Each structure stands twice: as C-alpha cells, then as structure tokens.
Amino acid sequence: MNIPLILASTSPRRRELLTHLYTPFTVKSVDIDERFYTNESPHDYIMRMVSAKACVACADVQMAVVITADTIGVVDDEILTKPTDKAHAFAMWNKLSDNTHEIWTAVCASVVKDGKIIFQKVIKVTTEVTFIKLTEHQKEQYWTTAEPTDKAGAYAIQGGAMAWVRTINGSYTNVVGLPLAQTAQLIDECISKYWLFGDNHGDKWTHHHSTDHF
C-alpha cells in the first residue's frame, strides 16, 4: 500500500495478527480512560472506546490509515473485564463454564490526509464461544500460570484456555483481538476512499462515519 498504515495499539496479539495482512506498519500507543459509565450498555461502551482511541491516535497524524480496536467479552449482557484478583477471575469463569458467551471486537479505520480525517468507518464483529464445564482443578491450574491476569474474561484463547473451548461460532482472530478478514476489507475500503476522494473531494468525506455489524 502507498499510504502509511498505523496500528494504534500496543497489544502484541493485534500486532502479530496485522503482520498477516500488511507490512510494514507503525505501532502507536494510545492512552485513554477505559472506565465504564453507569448503566452503559456493552455496545455503547465498546463504540465509545474505539472512537476515543481513534480521536487520540489521529490527533498528530498528517497522512495515514489509522487502525484502532477494542475487544470485550459479553455474557448475560455484562462485560467481561480484566480480573481484579483471583476471586474475580473465578467468578467470571463460573459464568463461562458450560455456557456460551460472545467476544466483540470493534475496529475503527480512519483515513487522515493533510492532518484531517477525510473518511472513518467502524465495524463490530461478534464471535460466539462455548466453554466446557470447568473443574476447580482446571481453574486453579490456569490461575497459577499468571496468563489470565491481564486478559478480559481472564483467559487467552490462544493460550492455556484453548483446551476450555468446546465450540467457536465466528472468527477465531476476532477472539484474539483483530478480525483479520473484516479488517482487510476495511483497510482496502479506506485505501480506495483515499485515492478516489482524497485529492478533490476531501471536504465531502470529512468526519464521515458509519458502522457495520458482522
């Protein structure tokens, strides 16, 4: 691609996944307040997060396609957060045990030219994950690995929790943190918008925003 690509995420999993689509690209860290609002729905939360990340990430960019993403787990309309301690992790695992939950990833692609966002689009991809019935031994053993401590839902599907998964309905890479097929389509669309409308019709596309669901 002839326009720079920026991944505004320090997640090593997203960085590794994106290398399967495009290289080279620049990695940029984005710091935002990720606290929940009172009575905020999971959908509103993830859309607010990915949009806030995009706003910060694009602020000092002159020309690039900027990718931001946010991934959450949802069970019974509740967001699965990173565990605060062992008891919290076990409480989440008890909800997930022998049950189906959803992993949502929202991906925002922003086309920036001459320091202005000329096109922006957000997609949200959903994957259903069903766990086996977890034993206390499995939970205790996994907790000792320290892998769950910084993961939403207290598990990594590409790690030790792989053996917990009975079925997956949807994109596996979405669960890891970046739905590759949908992200590739999104980036290709952004490149097209840049070349088709970037030179002569920039104002037409400024702050354009749309959302797709998969």
Protein backbone atom coordinates (compact mmCIF):
# COMPACT_ATOMS: atom_id res chain seq x y z
CA MET A 1 0.00 0.00 0.00
CA ASN A 2 1.27 3.51 -0.81
CA ILE A 3 -0.21 5.25 2.20
CA PRO A 4 1.28 4.70 5.68
CA LEU A 5 -0.58 2.34 7.99
CA ILE A 6 -0.66 2.95 11.74
CA LEU A 7 -1.86 0.42 14.30
CA ALA A 8 -2.81 2.45 17.36
CA SER A 9 -2.50 -0.43 19.80
CA THR A 10 0.33 -1.86 21.86
CA SER A 11 -1.32 -5.28 22.01
CA PRO A 12 1.27 -7.85 20.88
CA ARG A 13 -1.56 -10.07 19.67
CA ARG A 14 -3.01 -7.39 17.37
CA ARG A 15 0.46 -6.51 16.11
CA GLU A 16 1.17 -10.13 15.24
CA LEU A 17 -2.20 -10.57 13.53
CA LEU A 18 -1.82 -7.44 11.40
CA THR A 19 1.52 -8.69 10.05
CA HIS A 20 -0.51 -11.33 8.20
CA LEU A 21 -2.25 -8.55 6.26
CA TYR A 22 0.21 -5.70 5.73
CA THR A 23 3.84 -4.87 6.35
CA PRO A 24 5.37 -2.58 7.23
CA PHE A 25 3.19 -0.59 9.59
CA THR A 26 3.81 1.69 12.54
CA VAL A 27 2.71 0.85 16.06
CA LYS A 28 1.47 3.71 18.21
CA SER A 29 0.35 3.67 21.84
CA VAL A 30 -2.92 5.32 22.82
CA ASP A 31 -3.82 6.21 26.39
CA ILE A 32 -7.50 6.79 27.20
CA ASP A 33 -9.79 6.45 30.20
CA GLU A 34 -11.35 2.99 29.87
CA ARG A 35 -13.72 3.21 32.82
CA PHE A 36 -17.38 2.32 32.33
CA TYR A 37 -20.20 4.83 32.62
CA THR A 38 -23.04 4.00 34.97
CA ASN A 39 -25.73 1.97 33.15
CA GLU A 40 -23.67 1.98 29.94
CA SER A 41 -24.51 -0.93 27.64
CA PRO A 42 -21.71 -3.15 26.30
CA HIS A 43 -22.41 -1.88 22.76
CA ASP A 44 -22.24 1.78 23.78
CA TYR A 45 -19.08 1.13 25.77
CA ILE A 46 -17.11 -0.58 23.01
CA MET A 47 -18.15 2.02 20.43
CA ARG A 48 -17.13 4.84 22.77
CA MET A 49 -13.78 3.18 23.44
CA VAL A 50 -12.82 2.59 19.82
CA SER A 51 -13.92 6.10 18.80
CA ALA A 52 -11.99 7.69 21.66
CA LYS A 53 -8.88 5.75 20.70
CA ALA A 54 -9.25 6.93 17.09
CA CYS A 55 -9.61 10.56 18.16
CA VAL A 56 -6.40 10.44 20.19
CA ALA A 57 -4.49 8.37 17.63
CA CYS A 58 -5.28 10.68 14.71
CA ALA A 59 -4.60 13.94 16.52
CA ASP A 60 -0.98 14.36 15.37
CA VAL A 61 -1.10 12.37 12.11
CA GLN A 62 -0.62 14.07 8.75
CA MET A 63 -1.23 11.20 6.34
CA ALA A 64 -2.09 7.59 7.11
CA VAL A 65 -4.73 4.94 7.54
CA VAL A 66 -5.09 4.62 11.31
CA ILE A 67 -6.48 1.43 12.85
CA THR A 68 -7.81 1.30 16.40
CA ALA A 69 -9.59 -1.61 18.05
CA ASP A 70 -11.24 -2.65 21.28
CA THR A 71 -12.20 -6.18 22.34
CA ILE A 72 -14.60 -7.17 25.11
CA GLY A 73 -16.33 -10.31 26.26
CA VAL A 74 -20.05 -10.28 26.98
CA VAL A 75 -22.13 -12.79 28.94
CA ASP A 76 -25.71 -12.19 30.07
CA ASP A 77 -25.39 -8.58 28.82
CA GLU A 78 -22.47 -7.99 31.20
CA ILE A 79 -18.97 -7.02 30.12
CA LEU A 80 -16.17 -9.41 31.00
CA THR A 81 -13.36 -7.24 32.31
CA LYS A 82 -9.78 -7.95 33.29
CA PRO A 83 -9.77 -9.69 36.68
CA THR A 84 -9.02 -7.58 39.73
CA ASP A 85 -7.93 -10.65 41.69
CA LYS A 86 -8.23 -14.44 41.84
CA ALA A 87 -11.77 -14.38 43.24
CA HIS A 88 -12.92 -12.12 40.40
CA ALA A 89 -11.35 -14.42 37.80
CA PHE A 90 -13.03 -17.47 39.30
CA ALA A 91 -16.39 -15.67 39.39
CA MET A 92 -16.13 -14.93 35.67
CA TRP A 93 -15.06 -18.48 34.87
CA ASN A 94 -18.05 -19.80 36.79
CA LYS A 95 -20.29 -17.77 34.48
CA LEU A 96 -18.47 -19.03 31.39
CA SER A 97 -18.33 -22.68 32.45
CA ASP A 98 -20.60 -24.90 30.33
CA ASN A 99 -22.03 -21.75 28.78
CA THR A 100 -21.85 -19.61 25.65
CA HIS A 101 -20.52 -16.06 25.69
CA GLU A 102 -19.73 -13.52 22.99
CA ILE A 103 -16.49 -11.79 22.09
CA TRP A 104 -16.92 -8.42 20.41
CA THR A 105 -14.20 -6.51 18.62
CA ALA A 106 -14.85 -3.02 17.30
CA VAL A 107 -12.38 -1.85 14.66
CA CYS A 108 -12.18 1.77 13.57
CA ALA A 109 -10.31 2.75 10.40
CA SER A 110 -9.61 6.44 9.85
CA VAL A 111 -8.17 7.94 6.68
CA VAL A 112 -6.10 11.00 7.54
CA LYS A 113 -4.84 13.40 4.89
CA ASP A 114 -3.21 16.77 5.49
CA GLY A 115 -3.96 16.37 9.17
CA LYS A 116 -7.70 15.89 8.65
CA ILE A 117 -9.89 12.80 8.90
CA ILE A 118 -11.45 12.50 5.44
CA PHE A 119 -13.09 9.11 5.99
CA GLN A 120 -13.84 6.99 9.03
CA LYS A 121 -15.67 3.72 9.47
CA VAL A 122 -16.31 1.41 12.42
CA ILE A 123 -17.17 -2.28 12.27
CA LYS A 124 -18.16 -4.57 15.12
CA VAL A 125 -17.53 -8.29 14.78
CA THR A 126 -19.10 -10.88 17.10
CA THR A 127 -17.91 -14.42 17.80
CA GLU A 128 -19.72 -16.93 19.99
CA VAL A 129 -17.52 -19.06 22.25
CA THR A 130 -18.81 -22.04 24.25
CA PHE A 131 -16.75 -23.44 27.12
CA ILE A 132 -16.76 -26.95 28.52
CA LYS A 133 -17.76 -27.45 32.15
CA LEU A 134 -14.72 -26.30 34.09
CA THR A 135 -13.38 -28.15 37.10
CA GLU A 136 -11.87 -26.46 40.14
CA HIS A 137 -8.55 -28.10 39.27
CA GLN A 138 -8.57 -26.58 35.78
CA LYS A 139 -9.28 -23.13 37.17
CA GLU A 140 -6.63 -23.40 39.88
CA GLN A 141 -4.04 -24.67 37.44
CA TYR A 142 -4.73 -21.93 34.89
CA TRP A 143 -4.61 -19.18 37.50
CA THR A 144 -1.09 -20.24 38.55
CA THR A 145 0.20 -19.52 35.02
CA ALA A 146 -0.45 -15.77 35.52
CA GLU A 147 -1.75 -15.64 31.94
CA PRO A 148 -5.31 -14.65 32.94
CA THR A 149 -4.34 -11.58 34.97
CA ASP A 150 -4.35 -9.04 32.11
CA LYS A 151 -6.96 -10.62 29.85
CA ALA A 152 -10.62 -9.68 29.51
CA GLY A 153 -12.65 -12.56 30.87
CA ALA A 154 -9.45 -13.80 32.50
CA TYR A 155 -8.47 -16.05 29.61
CA ALA A 156 -6.48 -16.16 26.39
CA ILE A 157 -7.96 -18.39 23.71
CA GLN A 158 -4.57 -18.74 22.04
CA GLY A 159 -3.03 -19.80 25.35
CA GLY A 160 -3.92 -22.11 28.19
CA ALA A 161 -7.68 -21.62 27.83
CA MET A 162 -7.59 -23.17 24.37
CA ALA A 163 -8.46 -26.51 25.97
CA TRP A 164 -11.57 -24.97 27.55
CA VAL A 165 -13.24 -24.19 24.23
CA ARG A 166 -15.94 -26.60 23.11
CA THR A 167 -17.06 -24.65 20.03
CA ILE A 168 -16.46 -21.34 18.27
CA ASN A 169 -19.06 -19.76 16.00
CA GLY A 170 -17.41 -16.98 14.02
CA SER A 171 -13.95 -15.51 13.57
CA TYR A 172 -11.17 -17.00 15.69
CA THR A 173 -8.90 -13.99 15.15
CA ASN A 174 -11.72 -11.80 16.43
CA VAL A 175 -11.41 -13.55 19.80
CA VAL A 176 -7.65 -12.98 19.78
CA GLY A 177 -8.22 -9.26 19.20
CA LEU A 178 -8.44 -8.39 15.50
CA PRO A 179 -10.85 -9.99 12.96
CA LEU A 180 -8.50 -10.36 10.01
CA ALA A 181 -10.92 -10.88 7.11
CA GLN A 182 -13.11 -7.93 8.08
CA THR A 183 -10.12 -5.72 8.90
CA ALA A 184 -8.57 -6.43 5.49
CA GLN A 185 -11.81 -5.37 3.78
CA LEU A 186 -11.94 -2.25 5.92
CA ILE A 187 -8.37 -1.22 5.11
CA ASP A 188 -8.92 -1.83 1.39
CA GLU A 189 -12.01 0.37 1.53
CA CYS A 190 -10.02 3.11 3.24
CA ILE A 191 -7.29 2.98 0.60
CA SER A 192 -9.94 3.30 -2.12
CA LYS A 193 -11.51 6.29 -0.38
CA TYR A 194 -8.11 7.94 -0.03
CA TRP A 195 -7.28 7.74 -3.72
CA LEU A 196 -10.82 8.34 -5.04
CA PHE A 197 -11.79 11.26 -2.85
CA GLY A 198 -8.69 12.44 -1.08
CA ASP A 199 -7.45 14.92 -3.68
CA ASN A 200 -10.51 16.71 -4.97
CA HIS A 201 -13.34 15.91 -2.60
CA GLY A 202 -11.76 15.95 0.83
CA ASP A 203 -14.44 18.10 2.39
CA LYS A 204 -17.12 15.67 1.24
CA TRP A 205 -15.61 12.89 3.33
CA THR A 206 -14.54 14.86 6.39
CA HIS A 207 -15.85 13.23 9.58
CA HIS A 208 -17.86 10.69 7.60
CA HIS A 209 -18.73 7.87 9.97
CA SER A 210 -20.60 4.63 9.52
CA THR A 211 -20.94 1.38 11.42
CA ASP A 212 -21.24 -2.17 10.14
CA HIS A 213 -22.02 -5.28 12.18
CA PHE A 214 -20.88 -8.81 11.35
